[in-house]
C-alpha cells in the first residue's frame, strides 16, 4: 500500500511539475517573441506650431433695431378715404400714406378763408378812413384784431385738415396696413408700421468688467445666423452710462450700414469687438490637444538619433480659443511639429508615421459646409 501511494504521488508531482515547466518555458518564448517583434508605427497627421497676430476680442449677442421705427397713427378720428401706398412699399419723408374723409373740413376751411379775406378788406377800408381822420384809431385796432382772429381760425382748421392725411415722418419701408378704405378709425389707432432700414442699430449688453475698455467708436463685426456666414461691419455709437444692478451688465448700441436692406429689425445677431493692438501668439489646432484634469498636453513629433520619428508627450498651458485654433502660452516653441490627429493611438515614445493627405480643419473662423 505504501509503495502504491508513493508511486501515485510521484506521478502527480511529475505531471504538475511538467505542466509548470511547460508554462514557464512558453511564457519565456512568448516574451522573447514579443520583444524581438518589430514595432509598428502609428499613422497620424501633423501640424506646425505657428505664430499668429491676434487682437483681444469680446463677443456678445444682440438684436437688430431700426434707427427710426414706429406704428403710424392719425391724430384725429375719421373714415379712411384713400390709401396711397401698398403694404411693403418704400416711401420718402413727407409722402402721403393714408387719407381720411375731409370734405367737411375743406368746406369749413374755405368759409374761414373767405372770412379772412373779408376781414382784410375791412381792415384796409378803416385804415383809409383813418388816414382822412374820419374814424378813430380804436376802430382800426378792433379790425386788426378781428383779422388776426380770422387768420388764427383758418390756420387751426387748416392744421386739422392736414391731420386727416397720414404722412411718412421719415424715409423707410412700410409694413402691412391694418385698415381698409371705408373703415372708421379712432385717434391713435395703429394704421401701418414704418421702419427705416439704412442704417440699422444693434442693441446688446456686456458684463461690467468690460466697461473700462469699451467705448463709442470701436469697430464691430456682426454675423446674423439667418443670413449665413456673411460678416457686417459697423461701429459702437452709444454706451449706456450706468450698470444694471440686477444683471451687472451694461447696454451698448452699434450702427451698421444696410444699403441692401437685408438686415431687418428684430433679427438675432452675434457681435465681436476688437480691443487693443494685435499681439503675437503661438497656435496649434484644437485637435492636437489632449484635455485632461491634471493638465493639457500635446505629442511632439521629433526624430531620434537613428532617424526614427517618435511622439513625445509634453504638458502645455493653453489660452484663448478661436474657431478650430487654440493659443498656447507655455510649453511649445515656434516651428515645432505636433500630432493633430490619431492621439488616442499614441503613447509616450510611440513610433509614428505622418500622413497629411487628410488633416483636420484649423481655422480661426470656420465655416461649416451645410450642403
Protein backbone atom coordinates (compact mmCIF):
# COMPACT_ATOMS: atom_id res chain seq x y z
CA UNK A 1 0.00 0.00 0.00
CA UNK A 2 2.81 2.44 0.83
CA UNK A 3 4.50 1.69 -2.48
CA UNK A 4 1.33 2.44 -4.39
CA UNK A 5 0.88 5.80 -2.61
CA UNK A 6 4.46 6.72 -3.31
CA UNK A 7 4.04 5.85 -6.98
CA UNK A 8 0.84 7.95 -7.26
CA UNK A 9 2.46 10.91 -5.55
CA UNK A 10 5.49 10.64 -7.76
CA UNK A 11 3.39 10.57 -10.94
CA UNK A 12 1.31 13.56 -9.70
CA UNK A 13 4.43 15.60 -8.94
CA UNK A 14 5.89 14.77 -12.34
CA UNK A 15 2.67 15.73 -14.17
CA UNK A 16 2.18 19.04 -12.35
CA UNK A 17 5.87 19.82 -12.44
CA UNK A 18 5.99 19.19 -16.18
CA UNK A 19 2.96 21.42 -16.69
CA UNK A 20 4.53 24.25 -14.72
CA UNK A 21 7.82 23.91 -16.54
CA UNK A 22 6.00 23.93 -19.90
CA UNK A 23 4.06 27.06 -18.91
CA UNK A 24 7.18 28.88 -17.78
CA UNK A 25 9.03 27.94 -20.95
CA UNK A 26 6.02 29.03 -23.08
CA UNK A 27 5.88 32.44 -21.35
CA UNK A 28 9.61 32.93 -21.88
CA UNK A 29 9.34 32.06 -25.54
CA UNK A 30 6.30 34.38 -25.94
CA UNK A 31 8.10 37.29 -24.23
CA UNK A 32 11.16 36.71 -26.36
CA UNK A 33 9.00 36.76 -29.49
CA UNK A 34 7.21 39.95 -28.48
CA UNK A 35 10.48 41.62 -27.51
CA UNK A 36 12.01 40.81 -30.86
CA UNK A 37 8.88 41.68 -32.88
CA UNK A 38 9.38 44.88 -34.93
CA UNK A 39 7.47 47.99 -33.60
CA UNK A 40 4.59 49.06 -35.82
CA UNK A 41 4.37 52.85 -36.42
CA UNK A 42 1.18 54.78 -35.62
CA UNK A 43 -0.12 56.85 -38.53
CA UNK A 44 -1.00 60.42 -37.56
CA UNK A 45 -1.41 63.80 -39.20
CA UNK A 46 0.84 66.65 -38.16
CA UNK A 47 0.71 70.41 -37.78
CA UNK A 48 3.38 73.05 -37.22
CA UNK A 49 3.34 75.36 -34.24
CA UNK A 50 2.81 78.73 -35.92
CA UNK A 51 2.76 82.34 -34.84
CA UNK A 52 -0.32 84.47 -35.47
CA UNK A 53 -1.30 88.07 -34.77
CA UNK A 54 -4.38 88.13 -32.58
CA UNK A 55 -6.34 91.07 -31.22
CA UNK A 56 -8.18 90.71 -27.92
CA UNK A 57 -11.85 90.22 -28.63
CA UNK A 58 -15.07 90.25 -26.70
CA UNK A 59 -18.17 88.53 -28.05
CA UNK A 60 -21.85 89.06 -27.36
CA UNK A 61 -25.29 88.53 -28.87
CA UNK A 62 -27.84 91.19 -29.61
CA UNK A 63 -30.92 92.25 -31.55
CA UNK A 64 -31.17 94.49 -34.59
CA UNK A 65 -33.42 97.53 -34.37
CA UNK A 66 -34.46 100.27 -36.77
CA UNK A 67 -32.88 103.69 -36.30
CA UNK A 68 -36.42 105.01 -36.77
CA UNK A 69 -39.37 102.66 -36.43
CA UNK A 70 -42.96 103.23 -35.38
CA UNK A 71 -46.55 102.15 -35.82
CA UNK A 72 -48.11 105.19 -37.50
CA UNK A 73 -51.44 106.58 -36.30
CA UNK A 74 -53.61 109.61 -37.02
CA UNK A 75 -54.26 112.40 -34.52
CA UNK A 76 -57.96 112.59 -35.37
CA UNK A 77 -60.80 110.16 -35.93
CA UNK A 78 -62.35 109.62 -39.34
CA UNK A 79 -63.21 107.31 -42.19
CA UNK A 80 -60.43 106.05 -44.48
CA UNK A 81 -60.97 107.62 -47.91
CA UNK A 82 -57.77 106.74 -49.80
CA UNK A 83 -54.68 104.53 -49.36
CA UNK A 84 -51.74 105.90 -51.35
CA UNK A 85 -49.19 103.07 -50.96
CA UNK A 86 -49.25 99.27 -50.96
CA UNK A 87 -48.06 97.25 -48.00
CA UNK A 88 -44.29 96.78 -48.04
CA UNK A 89 -43.63 99.84 -50.23
CA UNK A 90 -40.71 102.23 -49.87
CA UNK A 91 -41.71 105.80 -49.01
CA UNK A 92 -39.88 109.10 -48.67
CA UNK A 93 -40.23 111.57 -45.84
CA UNK A 94 -43.43 113.59 -46.29
CA UNK A 95 -45.16 111.15 -48.65
CA UNK A 96 -48.91 110.78 -48.08
CA UNK A 97 -49.79 107.26 -46.94
CA UNK A 98 -53.47 107.28 -45.89
CA UNK A 99 -56.13 109.99 -46.20
CA UNK A 100 -59.33 110.29 -44.19
CA UNK A 101 -62.59 111.78 -45.45
CA UNK A 102 -62.12 115.56 -45.22
CA UNK A 103 -64.87 117.18 -47.32
CA UNK A 104 -66.46 118.88 -44.29
CA UNK A 105 -63.14 120.24 -43.09
CA UNK A 106 -62.34 121.55 -46.58
CA UNK A 107 -65.65 123.36 -46.76
CA UNK A 108 -65.16 124.89 -43.30
CA UNK A 109 -61.64 125.95 -44.28
CA UNK A 110 -62.99 127.64 -47.43
CA UNK A 111 -65.51 129.51 -45.27
CA UNK A 112 -62.83 130.61 -42.81
CA UNK A 113 -60.50 131.71 -45.58
CA UNK A 114 -63.37 133.82 -47.02
CA UNK A 115 -63.78 135.38 -43.58
CA UNK A 116 -60.06 136.20 -43.61
CA UNK A 117 -60.39 137.97 -46.97
CA UNK A 118 -63.39 139.94 -45.71
CA UNK A 119 -61.51 140.93 -42.56
CA UNK A 120 -58.58 142.11 -44.68
CA UNK A 121 -60.90 144.28 -46.78
CA UNK A 122 -62.49 145.75 -43.65
CA UNK A 123 -59.08 146.45 -42.18
CA UNK A 124 -57.89 148.17 -45.37
CA UNK A 125 -61.10 150.25 -45.52
CA UNK A 126 -60.85 151.56 -41.97
CA UNK A 127 -57.17 152.34 -42.49
CA UNK A 128 -58.06 154.57 -45.43
CA UNK A 129 -60.71 156.27 -43.30
CA UNK A 130 -58.19 156.77 -40.52
CA UNK A 131 -55.87 158.48 -42.99
CA UNK A 132 -58.66 161.02 -43.68
CA UNK A 133 -59.34 161.24 -39.94
CA UNK A 134 -62.86 160.00 -40.48
CA UNK A 135 -62.56 157.19 -37.93
CA UNK A 136 -60.84 156.61 -34.61
CA UNK A 137 -57.67 154.60 -34.06
CA UNK A 138 -59.61 152.26 -31.76
CA UNK A 139 -61.79 151.16 -34.66
CA UNK A 140 -58.71 150.31 -36.71
CA UNK A 141 -57.29 148.27 -33.81
CA UNK A 142 -60.56 146.38 -33.49
CA UNK A 143 -60.49 145.46 -37.18
CA UNK A 144 -56.85 144.36 -36.89
CA UNK A 145 -57.81 142.10 -34.02
CA UNK A 146 -60.72 140.63 -35.98
CA UNK A 147 -58.38 139.91 -38.90
CA UNK A 148 -55.88 138.16 -36.59
CA UNK A 149 -58.68 136.03 -35.13
CA UNK A 150 -59.96 135.10 -38.60
CA UNK A 151 -56.46 134.09 -39.68
CA UNK A 152 -55.99 132.02 -36.50
CA UNK A 153 -59.32 130.23 -37.04
CA UNK A 154 -58.38 129.44 -40.63
CA UNK A 155 -54.95 128.15 -39.58
CA UNK A 156 -56.50 125.93 -36.90
CA UNK A 157 -58.89 124.44 -39.44
CA UNK A 158 -56.04 124.04 -41.94
CA UNK A 159 -53.99 122.14 -39.35
CA UNK A 160 -56.95 119.88 -38.56
CA UNK A 161 -57.38 119.23 -42.28
CA UNK A 162 -53.71 118.28 -42.56
CA UNK A 163 -54.20 115.79 -39.72
CA UNK A 164 -56.65 113.93 -41.95
CA UNK A 165 -53.69 112.85 -44.13
CA UNK A 166 -51.17 110.42 -42.61
CA UNK A 167 -47.68 111.23 -43.93
CA UNK A 168 -44.34 109.45 -43.58
CA UNK A 169 -42.28 111.22 -40.88
CA UNK A 170 -39.09 109.75 -42.36
CA UNK A 171 -37.97 107.60 -45.28
CA UNK A 172 -38.36 103.85 -44.86
CA UNK A 173 -40.35 100.74 -45.71
CA UNK A 174 -43.99 100.27 -44.85
CA UNK A 175 -45.32 97.18 -43.15
CA UNK A 176 -48.72 95.56 -43.62
CA UNK A 177 -51.61 98.03 -43.37
CA UNK A 178 -54.22 97.39 -40.69
CA UNK A 179 -57.07 99.43 -42.21
CA UNK A 180 -59.21 99.39 -45.34
CA UNK A 181 -60.99 102.04 -47.38
CA UNK A 182 -64.29 102.98 -45.73
CA UNK A 183 -63.19 101.84 -42.28
CA UNK A 184 -63.69 104.17 -39.31
CA UNK A 185 -60.57 104.72 -37.22
CA UNK A 186 -60.26 106.45 -33.88
CA UNK A 187 -57.47 108.82 -32.99
CA UNK A 188 -54.39 106.80 -32.03
CA UNK A 189 -55.45 103.57 -33.74
CA UNK A 190 -52.40 101.88 -35.36
CA UNK A 191 -52.71 102.01 -39.13
CA UNK A 192 -49.39 100.85 -40.60
CA UNK A 193 -45.79 100.32 -39.45
CA UNK A 194 -42.87 102.24 -40.94
CA UNK A 195 -39.24 101.13 -40.47
CA UNK A 196 -36.11 102.95 -41.54
CA UNK A 197 -33.71 100.19 -42.70
CA UNK A 198 -30.49 102.01 -43.62
CA UNK A 199 -28.66 102.26 -41.32
CA UNK A 200 -29.79 99.92 -38.52
CA UNK A 201 -28.92 99.68 -34.84
CA UNK A 202 -27.64 96.62 -33.00
CA UNK A 203 -28.50 96.58 -29.29
CA UNK A 204 -26.53 94.26 -26.98
CA UNK A 205 -25.07 94.02 -23.48
CA UNK A 206 -21.69 93.16 -21.95
CA UNK A 207 -20.58 92.22 -18.41
CA UNK A 208 -19.44 95.12 -16.27
CA UNK A 209 -15.74 94.08 -16.34
CA UNK A 210 -15.56 95.23 -19.98
CA UNK A 211 -16.84 98.73 -19.20
CA UNK A 212 -13.40 100.39 -18.85
CA UNK A 213 -12.25 99.04 -22.24
CA UNK A 214 -15.32 99.57 -24.44
CA UNK A 215 -16.16 103.00 -25.81
CA UNK A 216 -18.01 104.64 -28.69
CA UNK A 217 -16.15 104.46 -31.99
CA UNK A 218 -14.83 100.90 -31.64
CA UNK A 219 -15.35 98.72 -34.72
CA UNK A 220 -17.66 95.70 -34.54
CA UNK A 221 -18.05 92.59 -36.70
CA UNK A 222 -21.58 91.19 -36.88
CA UNK A 223 -22.87 87.85 -38.13
CA UNK A 224 -26.60 87.18 -38.46
CA UNK A 225 -27.46 83.47 -38.32
CA UNK A 226 -30.40 83.93 -40.68
CA UNK A 227 -28.07 85.30 -43.37
CA UNK A 228 -25.37 82.63 -43.22
CA UNK A 229 -21.69 83.47 -42.75
CA UNK A 230 -21.72 86.97 -44.24
CA UNK A 231 -19.97 89.49 -41.99
CA UNK A 232 -21.34 93.02 -41.49
CA UNK A 233 -19.23 95.81 -40.04
CA UNK A 234 -20.11 98.89 -38.05
CA UNK A 235 -19.15 101.00 -35.05
CA UNK A 236 -20.31 101.39 -31.48
CA UNK A 237 -22.27 104.63 -31.37
CA UNK A 238 -23.59 104.67 -27.80
CA UNK A 239 -22.67 103.18 -24.41
CA UNK A 240 -25.13 103.24 -21.53
CA UNK A 241 -23.56 105.26 -18.68
CA UNK A 242 -24.98 103.02 -15.94
CA UNK A 243 -24.68 99.35 -14.99
CA UNK A 244 -27.82 97.27 -14.48
CA UNK A 245 -27.78 96.37 -10.77
CA UNK A 246 -29.75 93.17 -11.41
CA UNK A 247 -27.62 91.64 -14.19
CA UNK A 248 -24.34 93.60 -13.70
CA UNK A 249 -24.37 94.22 -17.45
CA UNK A 250 -24.35 97.48 -19.37
CA UNK A 251 -26.08 98.24 -22.67
CA UNK A 252 -24.40 99.24 -25.93
CA UNK A 253 -25.63 100.25 -29.35
CA UNK A 254 -23.78 99.83 -32.65
CA UNK A 255 -24.75 101.27 -36.01
CA UNK A 256 -24.43 99.22 -39.22
CA UNK A 257 -24.77 100.32 -42.84
CA UNK A 258 -27.54 98.39 -44.59
CA UNK A 259 -27.70 99.61 -48.21
CA UNK A 260 -29.20 96.33 -49.50
CA UNK A 261 -31.88 96.27 -46.76
CA UNK A 262 -31.02 92.66 -45.84
CA UNK A 263 -30.73 93.41 -42.12
CA UNK A 264 -34.17 93.66 -40.55
CA UNK A 265 -35.28 94.88 -37.11
CA UNK A 266 -35.72 92.03 -34.65
CA UNK A 267 -33.06 89.74 -36.16
CA UNK A 268 -30.73 87.86 -33.79
CA UNK A 269 -27.06 88.75 -34.31
CA UNK A 270 -23.63 87.80 -32.98
CA UNK A 271 -21.16 90.63 -32.44
CA UNK A 272 -17.40 90.73 -31.91
CA UNK A 273 -15.45 93.76 -30.69
CA UNK A 274 -11.67 94.03 -31.15
CA UNK A 275 -9.78 95.61 -28.24
CA UNK A 276 -6.24 96.99 -28.30
CA UNK A 277 -3.40 96.32 -30.72
CA UNK A 278 -2.63 92.89 -32.30
CA UNK A 279 -0.14 90.71 -30.38
CA UNK A 280 1.76 87.53 -31.30
CA UNK A 281 0.57 84.12 -30.09
CA UNK A 282 1.69 80.54 -30.79
CA UNK A 283 -1.19 78.43 -32.05
CA UNK A 284 -1.99 74.79 -32.82
CA UNK A 285 -5.21 73.05 -33.96
CA UNK A 286 -7.60 72.17 -31.15
CA UNK A 287 -7.47 68.54 -32.31
CA UNK A 288 -3.80 68.45 -31.25
CA UNK A 289 -4.65 68.98 -27.58
CA UNK A 290 -5.21 66.22 -25.03
CA UNK A 291 -7.55 67.85 -22.50
CA UNK A 292 -7.10 66.25 -19.05
CA UNK A 293 -7.99 67.21 -15.48
CA UNK A 294 -4.31 67.13 -14.46
CA UNK A 295 -3.23 69.34 -17.37
CA UNK A 296 -3.44 69.66 -21.12
CA UNK A 297 -0.77 68.10 -23.32
CA UNK A 298 0.35 67.56 -26.91
CA UNK A 299 2.50 64.96 -28.66
CA UNK A 300 5.65 66.49 -30.12
CA UNK A 301 6.91 64.68 -33.23
CA UNK A 302 10.72 64.59 -33.43
CA UNK A 303 13.45 62.32 -34.80
CA UNK A 304 15.64 60.04 -32.66
CA UNK A 305 19.39 59.76 -33.19
CA UNK A 306 18.78 56.83 -35.51
CA UNK A 307 16.39 58.94 -37.63
CA UNK A 308 13.15 57.30 -36.50
CA UNK A 309 10.20 59.60 -35.85
CA UNK A 310 8.68 59.33 -32.39
CA UNK A 311 5.98 61.08 -30.36
CA UNK A 312 6.87 62.62 -27.01
CA UNK A 313 4.10 63.81 -24.73
CA UNK A 314 4.51 67.32 -23.27
CA UNK A 315 2.38 69.32 -20.87
CA UNK A 316 1.38 72.80 -22.09
CA UNK A 317 -0.54 75.86 -20.92
CA UNK A 318 -3.43 76.76 -23.24
CA UNK A 319 -5.05 80.14 -23.77
CA UNK A 320 -7.78 81.69 -25.90
CA UNK A 321 -9.72 79.57 -28.38
CA UNK A 322 -10.82 80.88 -31.77
CA UNK A 323 -12.71 78.51 -34.02
CA UNK A 324 -10.57 75.41 -34.62
CA UNK A 325 -7.38 77.02 -33.28
CA UNK A 326 -6.11 77.39 -29.72
CA UNK A 327 -3.34 79.63 -28.37
CA UNK A 328 -0.53 78.05 -26.31
CA UNK A 329 1.15 80.32 -23.77
CA UNK A 330 3.68 77.82 -22.34
CA UNK A 331 5.29 74.53 -23.37
CA UNK A 332 5.82 74.95 -27.12
CA UNK A 333 8.33 76.62 -29.40
CA UNK A 334 7.79 78.13 -32.82
CA UNK A 335 8.00 75.61 -35.74
CA UNK A 336 7.82 72.52 -33.52
CA UNK A 337 5.65 69.76 -35.01
CA UNK A 338 2.71 68.27 -33.14
CA UNK A 339 0.36 65.41 -33.90
CA UNK A 340 -3.03 66.82 -34.94
CA UNK A 341 -4.99 63.55 -35.23
CA UNK A 342 -4.70 59.94 -34.06
CA UNK A 343 -3.89 60.97 -30.48
CA UNK A 344 -5.85 58.10 -28.95
CA UNK A 345 -3.42 55.59 -30.53
CA UNK A 346 -0.30 57.36 -29.26
CA UNK A 347 1.77 56.63 -26.19
CA UNK A 348 4.84 58.45 -24.95
CA UNK A 349 7.67 57.32 -27.23
CA UNK A 350 5.45 55.77 -29.90
CA UNK A 351 6.93 55.29 -33.36
CA UNK A 352 4.90 57.40 -35.78
CA UNK A 353 4.28 57.76 -39.48
CA UNK A 354 2.97 61.12 -40.79
CA UNK A 355 0.21 61.14 -43.39
CA UNK A 356 -1.20 64.61 -44.16
CA UNK A 357 -3.41 63.68 -47.09
CA UNK A 358 -6.42 64.35 -44.84
CA UNK A 359 -5.96 66.82 -41.99
CA UNK A 360 -8.46 68.36 -39.54
CA UNK A 361 -9.66 71.86 -40.37
CA UNK A 362 -7.80 74.57 -38.43
CA UNK A 363 -9.32 77.99 -38.98
CA UNK A 364 -9.99 80.85 -36.57
CA UNK A 365 -13.25 81.49 -38.44
CA UNK A 366 -14.52 78.06 -39.53
CA UNK A 367 -17.41 77.87 -41.95
CA UNK A 368 -19.45 74.64 -41.75
CA UNK A 369 -20.46 73.00 -45.01
CA UNK A 370 -24.25 72.96 -44.91
CA UNK A 371 -24.55 71.36 -48.33
